[in-house]
Amino acid sequence: MGFYTIHPREIDSVLMQKNAQIIDVRGREEYRKSHFRNAINCPYDDMEYWLRRFPKRRTLLLYCEYGSTSLLAARRLAKEGYQVYTVIGGINAMRKYMSAGKEGIDIEK
């Protein structure tokens, strides 16, 4: 398996085509403030736990604040045999994409 980086405009496509589970790897407080619709909060620091939580046949789509932490998580998960996508620029890029009037991004507050 491997990991792939995607632009925010590709999120809905990956979620639908791959039946991916979207995971917010930020801390719990940041997640509570806002998160992508239907995202599960699995903080990066708790990765050992969530490595056992998701079956390897399930595609995962990760994001963090700016994209660097989710990239680290994606690399590790890919080595463990998961198919992983990570959003370039994280939720910050998702917000910018949404504020530019683009559809397909749904962030809950």
PDB file of N, CA and C in Angstrom:
ATOM      1  N   MET A   1       0.847  -1.180   0.000  1.00  0.00           N
ATOM      2  CA  MET A   1       0.000   0.000   0.000  1.00  0.00           C
ATOM      3  C   MET A   1       0.893   1.245   0.000  1.00  0.00           C
ATOM      4  N   GLY A   2       0.256   2.369  -0.178  1.00  0.00           N
ATOM      5  CA  GLY A   2       1.003   3.603  -0.206  1.00  0.00           C
ATOM      6  C   GLY A   2       0.161   4.735   0.340  1.00  0.00           C
ATOM      7  N   PHE A   3       0.720   5.926   0.263  1.00  0.00           N
ATOM      8  CA  PHE A   3      -0.071   7.079   0.668  1.00  0.00           C
ATOM      9  C   PHE A   3      -0.034   8.107  -0.449  1.00  0.00           C
ATOM     10  N   TYR A   4      -1.066   8.903  -0.491  1.00  0.00           N
ATOM     11  CA  TYR A   4      -1.246   9.879  -1.545  1.00  0.00           C
ATOM     12  C   TYR A   4      -1.587  11.230  -0.933  1.00  0.00           C
ATOM     13  N   THR A   5      -1.105  12.289  -1.544  1.00  0.00           N
ATOM     14  CA  THR A   5      -1.470  13.634  -1.107  1.00  0.00           C
ATOM     15  C   THR A   5      -2.530  14.153  -2.076  1.00  0.00           C
ATOM     16  N   ILE A   6      -3.537  14.834  -1.513  1.00  0.00           N
ATOM     17  CA  ILE A   6      -4.611  15.352  -2.344  1.00  0.00           C
ATOM     18  C   ILE A   6      -4.893  16.814  -2.010  1.00  0.00           C
ATOM     19  N   HIS A   7      -5.481  17.498  -2.941  1.00  0.00           N
ATOM     20  CA  HIS A   7      -5.936  18.883  -2.783  1.00  0.00           C
ATOM     21  C   HIS A   7      -7.335  18.843  -2.162  1.00  0.00           C
ATOM     22  N   PRO A   8      -7.739  19.880  -1.422  1.00  0.00           N
ATOM     23  CA  PRO A   8      -9.083  19.876  -0.833  1.00  0.00           C
ATOM     24  C   PRO A   8     -10.205  19.605  -1.835  1.00  0.00           C
ATOM     25  N   ARG A   9     -10.054  20.006  -3.088  1.00  0.00           N
ATOM     26  CA  ARG A   9     -11.118  19.774  -4.080  1.00  0.00           C
ATOM     27  C   ARG A   9     -11.335  18.282  -4.354  1.00  0.00           C
ATOM     28  N   GLU A  10     -10.376  17.438  -3.972  1.00  0.00           N
ATOM     29  CA  GLU A  10     -10.460  16.006  -4.238  1.00  0.00           C
ATOM     30  C   GLU A  10     -11.068  15.207  -3.087  1.00  0.00           C
ATOM     31  N   ILE A  11     -11.347  15.840  -1.975  1.00  0.00           N
ATOM     32  CA  ILE A  11     -11.813  15.135  -0.782  1.00  0.00           C
ATOM     33  C   ILE A  11     -13.080  14.337  -1.043  1.00  0.00           C
ATOM     34  N   ASP A  12     -14.117  14.990  -1.541  1.00  0.00           N
ATOM     35  CA  ASP A  12     -15.382  14.285  -1.753  1.00  0.00           C
ATOM     36  C   ASP A  12     -15.229  13.115  -2.713  1.00  0.00           C
ATOM     37  N   SER A  13     -14.406  13.282  -3.722  1.00  0.00           N
ATOM     38  CA  SER A  13     -14.173  12.209  -4.685  1.00  0.00           C
ATOM     39  C   SER A  13     -13.547  10.987  -4.009  1.00  0.00           C
ATOM     40  N   VAL A  14     -12.527  11.219  -3.191  1.00  0.00           N
ATOM     41  CA  VAL A  14     -11.866  10.114  -2.488  1.00  0.00           C
ATOM     42  C   VAL A  14     -12.832   9.456  -1.500  1.00  0.00           C
ATOM     43  N   LEU A  15     -13.596  10.270  -0.790  1.00  0.00           N
ATOM     44  CA  LEU A  15     -14.548   9.712   0.176  1.00  0.00           C
ATOM     45  C   LEU A  15     -15.560   8.808  -0.515  1.00  0.00           C
ATOM     46  N   MET A  16     -16.051   9.226  -1.667  1.00  0.00           N
ATOM     47  CA  MET A  16     -17.073   8.434  -2.362  1.00  0.00           C
ATOM     48  C   MET A  16     -16.474   7.248  -3.104  1.00  0.00           C
ATOM     49  N   GLN A  17     -15.420   7.472  -3.874  1.00  0.00           N
ATOM     50  CA  GLN A  17     -14.851   6.403  -4.695  1.00  0.00           C
ATOM     51  C   GLN A  17     -14.163   5.323  -3.877  1.00  0.00           C
ATOM     52  N   LYS A  18     -13.530   5.708  -2.809  1.00  0.00           N
ATOM     53  CA  LYS A  18     -12.756   4.759  -2.005  1.00  0.00           C
ATOM     54  C   LYS A  18     -13.472   4.357  -0.722  1.00  0.00           C
ATOM     55  N   ASN A  19     -14.660   4.939  -0.472  1.00  0.00           N
ATOM     56  CA  ASN A  19     -15.379   4.699   0.784  1.00  0.00           C
ATOM     57  C   ASN A  19     -14.437   4.917   1.973  1.00  0.00           C
ATOM     58  N   ALA A  20     -13.700   6.028   1.905  1.00  0.00           N
ATOM     59  CA  ALA A  20     -12.675   6.322   2.899  1.00  0.00           C
ATOM     60  C   ALA A  20     -13.272   6.826   4.209  1.00  0.00           C
ATOM     61  N   GLN A  21     -12.578   6.535   5.283  1.00  0.00           N
ATOM     62  CA  GLN A  21     -12.900   7.087   6.602  1.00  0.00           C
ATOM     63  C   GLN A  21     -12.049   8.323   6.783  1.00  0.00           C
ATOM     64  N   ILE A  22     -12.669   9.468   7.066  1.00  0.00           N
ATOM     65  CA  ILE A  22     -11.900  10.699   7.252  1.00  0.00           C
ATOM     66  C   ILE A  22     -11.527  10.843   8.718  1.00  0.00           C
ATOM     67  N   ILE A  23     -10.256  11.139   8.945  1.00  0.00           N
ATOM     68  CA  ILE A  23      -9.707  11.199  10.300  1.00  0.00           C
ATOM     69  C   ILE A  23      -8.994  12.523  10.521  1.00  0.00           C
ATOM     70  N   ASP A  24      -9.384  13.195  11.584  1.00  0.00           N
ATOM     71  CA  ASP A  24      -8.761  14.441  12.021  1.00  0.00           C
ATOM     72  C   ASP A  24      -7.697  14.055  13.044  1.00  0.00           C
ATOM     73  N   VAL A  25      -6.426  14.281  12.721  1.00  0.00           N
ATOM     74  CA  VAL A  25      -5.339  13.865  13.612  1.00  0.00           C
ATOM     75  C   VAL A  25      -4.911  14.971  14.580  1.00  0.00           C
ATOM     76  N   ARG A  26      -5.655  16.082  14.596  1.00  0.00           N
ATOM     77  CA  ARG A  26      -5.351  17.171  15.537  1.00  0.00           C
ATOM     78  C   ARG A  26      -5.793  16.771  16.942  1.00  0.00           C
ATOM     79  N   GLY A  27      -5.440  17.579  17.906  1.00  0.00           N
ATOM     80  CA  GLY A  27      -5.843  17.336  19.283  1.00  0.00           C
ATOM     81  C   GLY A  27      -7.350  17.477  19.467  1.00  0.00           C
ATOM     82  N   ARG A  28      -7.829  16.959  20.576  1.00  0.00           N
ATOM     83  CA  ARG A  28      -9.275  16.964  20.842  1.00  0.00           C
ATOM     84  C   ARG A  28      -9.874  18.372  20.903  1.00  0.00           C
ATOM     85  N   GLU A  29      -9.151  19.318  21.476  1.00  0.00           N
ATOM     86  CA  GLU A  29      -9.665  20.688  21.590  1.00  0.00           C
ATOM     87  C   GLU A  29      -9.842  21.336  20.213  1.00  0.00           C
ATOM     88  N   GLU A  30      -8.866  21.167  19.340  1.00  0.00           N
ATOM     89  CA  GLU A  30      -8.978  21.717  17.993  1.00  0.00           C
ATOM     90  C   GLU A  30     -10.140  21.069  17.247  1.00  0.00           C
ATOM     91  N   TYR A  31     -10.289  19.757  17.415  1.00  0.00           N
ATOM     92  CA  TYR A  31     -11.389  19.033  16.779  1.00  0.00           C
ATOM     93  C   TYR A  31     -12.738  19.578  17.258  1.00  0.00           C
ATOM     94  N   ARG A  32     -12.868  19.813  18.560  1.00  0.00           N
ATOM     95  CA  ARG A  32     -14.132  20.331  19.108  1.00  0.00           C
ATOM     96  C   ARG A  32     -14.490  21.700  18.531  1.00  0.00           C
ATOM     97  N   LYS A  33     -13.474  22.512  18.256  1.00  0.00           N
ATOM     98  CA  LYS A  33     -13.730  23.853  17.715  1.00  0.00           C
ATOM     99  C   LYS A  33     -14.310  23.788  16.306  1.00  0.00           C
ATOM    100  N   SER A  34     -13.776  22.919  15.467  1.00  0.00           N
ATOM    101  CA  SER A  34     -14.299  22.709  14.116  1.00  0.00           C
ATOM    102  C   SER A  34     -13.635  21.478  13.514  1.00  0.00           C
ATOM    103  N   HIS A  35     -14.363  20.820  12.655  1.00  0.00           N
ATOM    104  CA  HIS A  35     -13.837  19.634  11.973  1.00  0.00           C
ATOM    105  C   HIS A  35     -14.647  19.363  10.707  1.00  0.00           C
ATOM    106  N   PHE A  36     -14.082  18.562   9.840  1.00  0.00           N
ATOM    107  CA  PHE A  36     -14.752  18.161   8.618  1.00  0.00           C
ATOM    108  C   PHE A  36     -15.950  17.276   8.979  1.00  0.00           C
ATOM    109  N   ARG A  37     -17.031  17.460   8.252  1.00  0.00           N
ATOM    110  CA  ARG A  37     -18.245  16.663   8.459  1.00  0.00           C
ATOM    111  C   ARG A  37     -17.907  15.163   8.469  1.00  0.00           C
ATOM    112  N   ASN A  38     -18.405  14.458   9.453  1.00  0.00           N
ATOM    113  CA  ASN A  38     -18.233  12.999   9.616  1.00  0.00           C
ATOM    114  C   ASN A  38     -16.805  12.551   9.938  1.00  0.00           C
ATOM    115  N   ALA A  39     -15.929  13.484  10.265  1.00  0.00           N
ATOM    116  CA  ALA A  39     -14.556  13.102  10.629  1.00  0.00           C
ATOM    117  C   ALA A  39     -14.527  12.514  12.035  1.00  0.00           C
ATOM    118  N   ILE A  40     -13.658  11.546  12.207  1.00  0.00           N
ATOM    119  CA  ILE A  40     -13.399  10.952  13.513  1.00  0.00           C
ATOM    120  C   ILE A  40     -12.121  11.588  14.048  1.00  0.00           C
ATOM    121  N   ASN A  41     -12.122  11.943  15.319  1.00  0.00           N
ATOM    122  CA  ASN A  41     -10.922  12.523  15.916  1.00  0.00           C
ATOM    123  C   ASN A  41     -10.041  11.410  16.468  1.00  0.00           C
ATOM    124  N   CYS A  42      -8.856  11.281  15.896  1.00  0.00           N
ATOM    125  CA  CYS A  42      -7.849  10.328  16.351  1.00  0.00           C
ATOM    126  C   CYS A  42      -6.533  11.096  16.426  1.00  0.00           C
ATOM    127  N   PRO A  43      -6.267  11.734  17.555  1.00  0.00           N
ATOM    128  CA  PRO A  43      -5.041  12.539  17.668  1.00  0.00           C
ATOM    129  C   PRO A  43      -3.785  11.739  17.320  1.00  0.00           C
ATOM    130  N   TYR A  44      -2.874  12.406  16.672  1.00  0.00           N
ATOM    131  CA  TYR A  44      -1.626  11.776  16.252  1.00  0.00           C
ATOM    132  C   TYR A  44      -0.928  11.077  17.422  1.00  0.00           C
ATOM    133  N   ASP A  45      -0.951  11.689  18.587  1.00  0.00           N
ATOM    134  CA  ASP A  45      -0.287  11.107  19.755  1.00  0.00           C
ATOM    135  C   ASP A  45      -0.892   9.776  20.181  1.00  0.00           C
ATOM    136  N   ASP A  46      -2.108   9.485  19.748  1.00  0.00           N
ATOM    137  CA  ASP A  46      -2.780   8.232  20.087  1.00  0.00           C
ATOM    138  C   ASP A  46      -2.707   7.214  18.957  1.00  0.00           C
ATOM    139  N   MET A  47      -1.773   7.368  18.049  1.00  0.00           N
ATOM    140  CA  MET A  47      -1.708   6.519  16.865  1.00  0.00           C
ATOM    141  C   MET A  47      -1.613   5.025  17.188  1.00  0.00           C
ATOM    142  N   GLU A  48      -0.922   4.675  18.236  1.00  0.00           N
ATOM    143  CA  GLU A  48      -0.811   3.256  18.600  1.00  0.00           C
ATOM    144  C   GLU A  48      -2.181   2.624  18.805  1.00  0.00           C
ATOM    145  N   TYR A  49      -3.075   3.372  19.409  1.00  0.00           N
ATOM    146  CA  TYR A  49      -4.435   2.879  19.636  1.00  0.00           C
ATOM    147  C   TYR A  49      -5.190   2.746  18.320  1.00  0.00           C
ATOM    148  N   TRP A  50      -5.139   3.780  17.497  1.00  0.00           N
ATOM    149  CA  TRP A  50      -5.973   3.709  16.309  1.00  0.00           C
ATOM    150  C   TRP A  50      -5.391   2.877  15.191  1.00  0.00           C
ATOM    151  N   LEU A  51      -4.144   2.475  15.307  1.00  0.00           N
ATOM    152  CA  LEU A  51      -3.609   1.490  14.366  1.00  0.00           C
ATOM    153  C   LEU A  51      -4.387   0.179  14.477  1.00  0.00           C
ATOM    154  N   ARG A  52      -4.844  -0.117  15.687  1.00  0.00           N
ATOM    155  CA  ARG A  52      -5.627  -1.344  15.901  1.00  0.00           C
ATOM    156  C   ARG A  52      -7.117  -1.132  15.640  1.00  0.00           C
ATOM    157  N   ARG A  53      -7.548   0.118  15.584  1.00  0.00           N
ATOM    158  CA  ARG A  53      -8.975   0.428  15.457  1.00  0.00           C
ATOM    159  C   ARG A  53      -9.512   0.218  14.046  1.00  0.00           C
ATOM    160  N   PHE A  54      -8.715   0.501  13.036  1.00  0.00           N
ATOM    161  CA  PHE A  54      -9.190   0.447  11.659  1.00  0.00           C
ATOM    162  C   PHE A  54      -8.613  -0.751  10.927  1.00  0.00           C
ATOM    163  N   PRO A  55      -9.467  -1.488  10.220  1.00  0.00           N
ATOM    164  CA  PRO A  55      -8.948  -2.615   9.433  1.00  0.00           C
ATOM    165  C   PRO A  55      -8.114  -2.104   8.259  1.00  0.00           C
ATOM    166  N   LYS A  56      -7.109  -2.854   7.889  1.00  0.00           N
ATOM    167  CA  LYS A  56      -6.208  -2.424   6.821  1.00  0.00           C
ATOM    168  C   LYS A  56      -6.900  -2.337   5.466  1.00  0.00           C
ATOM    169  N   ARG A  57      -8.021  -2.981   5.305  1.00  0.00           N
ATOM    170  CA  ARG A  57      -8.731  -2.906   4.036  1.00  0.00           C
ATOM    171  C   ARG A  57      -9.509  -1.599   3.886  1.00  0.00           C
ATOM    172  N   ARG A  58      -9.617  -0.829   4.967  1.00  0.00           N
ATOM    173  CA  ARG A  58     -10.341   0.449   4.944  1.00  0.00           C
ATOM    174  C   ARG A  58      -9.407   1.578   4.531  1.00  0.00           C
ATOM    175  N   THR A  59      -9.793   2.327   3.509  1.00  0.00           N
ATOM    176  CA  THR A  59      -9.017   3.485   3.069  1.00  0.00           C
ATOM    177  C   THR A  59      -9.208   4.618   4.071  1.00  0.00           C
ATOM    178  N   LEU A  60      -8.124   5.290   4.424  1.00  0.00           N
ATOM    179  CA  LEU A  60      -8.167   6.380   5.393  1.00  0.00           C
ATOM    180  C   LEU A  60      -7.785   7.695   4.721  1.00  0.00           C
ATOM    181  N   LEU A  61      -8.498   8.755   5.069  1.00  0.00           N
ATOM    182  CA  LEU A  61      -8.195  10.096   4.579  1.00  0.00           C
ATOM    183  C   LEU A  61      -7.905  10.958   5.792  1.00  0.00           C
ATOM    184  N   LEU A  62      -6.679  11.443   5.901  1.00  0.00           N
ATOM    185  CA  LEU A  62      -6.228  12.177   7.081  1.00  0.00           C
ATOM    186  C   LEU A  62      -6.079  13.663   6.811  1.00  0.00           C
ATOM    187  N   TYR A  63      -6.311  14.456   7.852  1.00  0.00           N
ATOM    188  CA  TYR A  63      -5.958  15.864   7.794  1.00  0.00           C
ATOM    189  C   TYR A  63      -5.576  16.335   9.184  1.00  0.00           C
ATOM    190  N   CYS A  64      -4.815  17.427   9.220  1.00  0.00           N
ATOM    191  CA  CYS A  64      -4.426  18.067  10.476  1.00  0.00           C
ATOM    192  C   CYS A  64      -4.617  19.565  10.281  1.00  0.00           C
ATOM    193  N   GLU A  65      -3.876  20.378  10.975  1.00  0.00           N
ATOM    194  CA  GLU A  65      -4.041  21.829  10.833  1.00  0.00           C
ATOM    195  C   GLU A  65      -3.457  22.342   9.510  1.00  0.00           C
ATOM    196  N   TYR A  66      -2.193  21.986   9.216  1.00  0.00           N
ATOM    197  CA  TYR A  66      -1.520  22.499   8.022  1.00  0.00           C
ATOM    198  C   TYR A  66      -1.008  21.419   7.076  1.00  0.00           C
ATOM    199  N   GLY A  67      -1.151  20.164   7.427  1.00  0.00           N
ATOM    200  CA  GLY A  67      -0.753  19.075   6.545  1.00  0.00           C
ATOM    201  C   GLY A  67       0.488  18.311   6.938  1.00  0.00           C
ATOM    202  N   SER A  68       1.290  18.834   7.850  1.00  0.00           N
ATOM    203  CA  SER A  68       2.549  18.159   8.177  1.00  0.00           C
ATOM    204  C   SER A  68       2.347  16.950   9.098  1.00  0.00           C
ATOM    205  N   THR A  69       1.507  17.088  10.111  1.00  0.00           N
ATOM    206  CA  THR A  69       1.282  15.973  11.034  1.00  0.00           C
ATOM    207  C   THR A  69       0.549  14.827  10.335  1.00  0.00           C
ATOM    208  N   SER A  70      -0.427  15.157   9.509  1.00  0.00           N
ATOM    209  CA  SER A  70      -1.148  14.097   8.790  1.00  0.00           C
ATOM    210  C   SER A  70      -0.224  13.396   7.793  1.00  0.00           C
ATOM    211  N   LEU A  71       0.744  14.111   7.251  1.00  0.00           N
ATOM    212  CA  LEU A  71       1.716  13.497   6.349  1.00  0.00           C
ATOM    213  C   LEU A  71       2.574  12.480   7.097  1.00  0.00           C
ATOM    214  N   LEU A  72       3.017  12.836   8.299  1.00  0.00           N
ATOM    215  CA  LEU A  72       3.773  11.884   9.128  1.00  0.00           C
ATOM    216  C   LEU A  72       2.934  10.645   9.437  1.00  0.00           C
ATOM    217  N   ALA A  73       1.677  10.869   9.802  1.00  0.00           N
ATOM    218  CA  ALA A  73       0.783   9.744  10.107  1.00  0.00           C
ATOM    219  C   ALA A  73       0.558   8.883   8.866  1.00  0.00           C
ATOM    220  N   ALA A  74       0.383   9.514   7.711  1.00  0.00           N
ATOM    221  CA  ALA A  74       0.147   8.770   6.468  1.00  0.00           C
ATOM    222  C   ALA A  74       1.337   7.876   6.122  1.00  0.00           C
ATOM    223  N   ARG A  75       2.533   8.408   6.289  1.00  0.00           N
ATOM    224  CA  ARG A  75       3.735   7.600   6.018  1.00  0.00           C
ATOM    225  C   ARG A  75       3.777   6.365   6.912  1.00  0.00           C
ATOM    226  N   ARG A  76       3.501   6.582   8.167  1.00  0.00           N
ATOM    227  CA  ARG A  76       3.546   5.456   9.112  1.00  0.00           C
ATOM    228  C   ARG A  76       2.460   4.432   8.798  1.00  0.00           C
ATOM    229  N   LEU A  77       1.252   4.899   8.537  1.00  0.00           N
ATOM    230  CA  LEU A  77       0.149   3.987   8.231  1.00  0.00           C
ATOM    231  C   LEU A  77       0.395   3.221   6.937  1.00  0.00           C
ATOM    232  N   ALA A  78       0.983   3.878   5.942  1.00  0.00           N
ATOM    233  CA  ALA A  78       1.301   3.204   4.688  1.00  0.00           C
ATOM    234  C   ALA A  78       2.299   2.072   4.929  1.00  0.00           C
ATOM    235  N   LYS A  79       3.283   2.307   5.796  1.00  0.00           N
ATOM    236  CA  LYS A  79       4.247   1.254   6.134  1.00  0.00           C
ATOM    237  C   LYS A  79       3.576   0.075   6.827  1.00  0.00           C
ATOM    238  N   GLU A  80       2.476   0.351   7.525  1.00  0.00           N
ATOM    239  CA  GLU A  80       1.727  -0.700   8.217  1.00  0.00           C
ATOM    240  C   GLU A  80       0.760  -1.431   7.290  1.00  0.00           C
ATOM    241  N   GLY A  81       0.659  -0.964   6.033  1.00  0.00           N
ATOM    242  CA  GLY A  81      -0.178  -1.652   5.053  1.00  0.00           C
ATOM    243  C   GLY A  81      -1.510  -0.996   4.736  1.00  0.00           C
ATOM    244  N   TYR A  82      -1.727   0.221   5.206  1.00  0.00           N
ATOM    245  CA  TYR A  82      -2.973   0.931   4.919  1.00  0.00           C
ATOM    246  C   TYR A  82      -2.862   1.715   3.620  1.00  0.00           C
ATOM    247  N   GLN A  83      -4.013   1.910   2.950  1.00  0.00           N
ATOM    248  CA  GLN A  83      -4.079   2.853   1.843  1.00  0.00           C
ATOM    249  C   GLN A  83      -4.532   4.172   2.455  1.00  0.00           C
ATOM    250  N   VAL A  84      -3.706   5.209   2.310  1.00  0.00           N
ATOM    251  CA  VAL A  84      -3.937   6.462   3.018  1.00  0.00           C
ATOM    252  C   VAL A  84      -3.842   7.652   2.073  1.00  0.00           C
ATOM    253  N   TYR A  85      -4.731   8.597   2.290  1.00  0.00           N
ATOM    254  CA  TYR A  85      -4.705   9.888   1.601  1.00  0.00           C
ATOM    255  C   TYR A  85      -4.546  10.956   2.667  1.00  0.00           C
ATOM    256  N   THR A  86      -3.815  12.022   2.343  1.00  0.00           N
ATOM    257  CA  THR A  86      -3.662  13.136   3.264  1.00  0.00           C
ATOM    258  C   THR A  86      -3.882  14.439   2.500  1.00  0.00           C
ATOM    259  N   VAL A  87      -4.534  15.389   3.146  1.00  0.00           N
ATOM    260  CA  VAL A  87      -4.893  16.651   2.507  1.00  0.00           C
ATOM    261  C   VAL A  87      -3.728  17.638   2.611  1.00  0.00           C
ATOM    262  N   ILE A  88      -3.245  18.083   1.464  1.00  0.00           N
ATOM    263  CA  ILE A  88      -2.175  19.083   1.426  1.00  0.00           C
ATOM    264  C   ILE A  88      -2.701  20.380   2.041  1.00  0.00           C
ATOM    265  N   GLY A  89      -1.994  20.890   3.031  1.00  0.00           N
ATOM    266  CA  GLY A  89      -2.400  22.135   3.676  1.00  0.00           C
ATOM    267  C   GLY A  89      -3.400  21.963   4.801  1.00  0.00           C
ATOM    268  N   GLY A  90      -3.876  20.736   5.025  1.00  0.00           N
ATOM    269  CA  GLY A  90      -4.767  20.433   6.137  1.00  0.00           C
ATOM    270  C   GLY A  90      -6.065  21.222   6.141  1.00  0.00           C
ATOM    271  N   ILE A  91      -6.645  21.350   7.333  1.00  0.00           N
ATOM    272  CA  ILE A  91      -7.926  22.036   7.456  1.00  0.00           C
ATOM    273  C   ILE A  91      -7.787  23.519   7.113  1.00  0.00           C
ATOM    274  N   ASN A  92      -6.589  24.059   7.251  1.00  0.00           N
ATOM    275  CA  ASN A  92      -6.352  25.448   6.874  1.00  0.00           C
ATOM    276  C   ASN A  92      -6.603  25.629   5.372  1.00  0.00           C
ATOM    277  N   ALA A  93      -6.093  24.738   4.550  1.00  0.00           N
ATOM    278  CA  ALA A  93      -6.317  24.788   3.102  1.00  0.00           C
ATOM    279  C   ALA A  93      -7.777  24.493   2.775  1.00  0.00           C
ATOM    280  N   MET A  94      -8.401  23.608   3.539  1.00  0.00           N
ATOM    281  CA  MET A  94      -9.813  23.306   3.326  1.00  0.00           C
ATOM    282  C   MET A  94     -10.666  24.553   3.565  1.00  0.00           C
ATOM    283  N   ARG A  95     -10.341  25.304   4.609  1.00  0.00           N
ATOM    284  CA  ARG A  95     -11.074  26.547   4.904  1.00  0.00           C
ATOM    285  C   ARG A  95     -10.888  27.578   3.791  1.00  0.00           C
ATOM    286  N   LYS A  96      -9.660  27.725   3.308  1.00  0.00           N
ATOM    287  CA  LYS A  96      -9.384  28.679   2.223  1.00  0.00           C
ATOM    288  C   LYS A  96     -10.141  28.287   0.965  1.00  0.00           C
ATOM    289  N   TYR A  97     -10.150  27.012   0.657  1.00  0.00           N
ATOM    290  CA  TYR A  97     -10.862  26.509  -0.518  1.00  0.00           C
ATOM    291  C   TYR A  97     -12.357  26.802  -0.379  1.00  0.00           C
ATOM    292  N   MET A  98     -12.893  26.565   0.805  1.00  0.00           N
ATOM    293  CA  MET A  98     -14.307  26.803   1.072  1.00  0.00           C
ATOM    294  C   MET A  98     -14.628  28.295   1.000  1.00  0.00           C
ATOM    295  N   SER A  99     -13.764  29.138   1.547  1.00  0.00           N
ATOM    296  CA  SER A  99     -14.024  30.581   1.557  1.00  0.00           C
ATOM    297  C   SER A  99     -13.927  31.188   0.157  1.00  0.00           C
ATOM    298  N   ALA A 100     -13.296  30.478  -0.764  1.00  0.00           N
ATOM    299  CA  ALA A 100     -13.215  30.945  -2.146  1.00  0.00           C
ATOM    300  C   ALA A 100     -14.484  30.593  -2.908  1.00  0.00           C
ATOM    301  N   GLY A 101     -15.484  30.081  -2.204  1.00  0.00           N
ATOM    302  CA  GLY A 101     -16.762  29.759  -2.826  1.00  0.00           C
ATOM    303  C   GLY A 101     -16.828  28.396  -3.475  1.00  0.00           C
ATOM    304  N   LYS A 102     -15.873  27.575  -3.193  1.00  0.00           N
ATOM    305  CA  LYS A 102     -15.849  26.225  -3.781  1.00  0.00           C
ATOM    306  C   LYS A 102     -16.764  25.314  -2.968  1.00  0.00           C
ATOM    307  N   GLU A 103     -17.406  24.398  -3.640  1.00  0.00           N
ATOM    308  CA  GLU A 103     -18.294  23.457  -2.975  1.00  0.00           C
ATOM    309  C   GLU A 103     -17.569  22.152  -2.688  1.00  0.00           C
ATOM    310  N   GLY A 104     -18.175  21.348  -1.839  1.00  0.00           N
ATOM    311  CA  GLY A 104     -17.619  20.033  -1.561  1.00  0.00           C
ATOM    312  C   GLY A 104     -16.921  19.912  -0.221  1.00  0.00           C
ATOM    313  N   ILE A 105     -16.687  21.025   0.450  1.00  0.00           N
ATOM    314  CA  ILE A 105     -16.054  20.999   1.767  1.00  0.00           C
ATOM    315  C   ILE A 105     -17.114  21.385   2.786  1.00  0.00           C
ATOM    316  N   ASP A 106     -17.262  20.592   3.798  1.00  0.00           N
ATOM    317  CA  ASP A 106     -18.276  20.862   4.822  1.00  0.00           C
ATOM    318  C   ASP A 106     -17.614  20.754   6.186  1.00  0.00           C
ATOM    319  N   ILE A 107     -17.262  21.902   6.764  1.00  0.00           N
ATOM    320  CA  ILE A 107     -16.624  21.942   8.070  1.00  0.00           C
ATOM    321  C   ILE A 107     -17.657  22.314   9.119  1.00  0.00           C
ATOM    322  N   GLU A 108     -17.758  21.491  10.155  1.00  0.00           N
ATOM    323  CA  GLU A 108     -18.713  21.731  11.245  1.00  0.00           C
ATOM    324  C   GLU A 108     -18.040  22.510  12.350  1.00  0.00           C
ATOM    325  N   LYS A 109     -18.833  23.356  13.011  1.00  0.00           N
ATOM    326  CA  LYS A 109     -18.329  24.115  14.160  1.00  0.00           C
ATOM    327  C   LYS A 109     -19.093  23.723  15.390  1.00  0.00           C
TER     328      LYS A 109
END
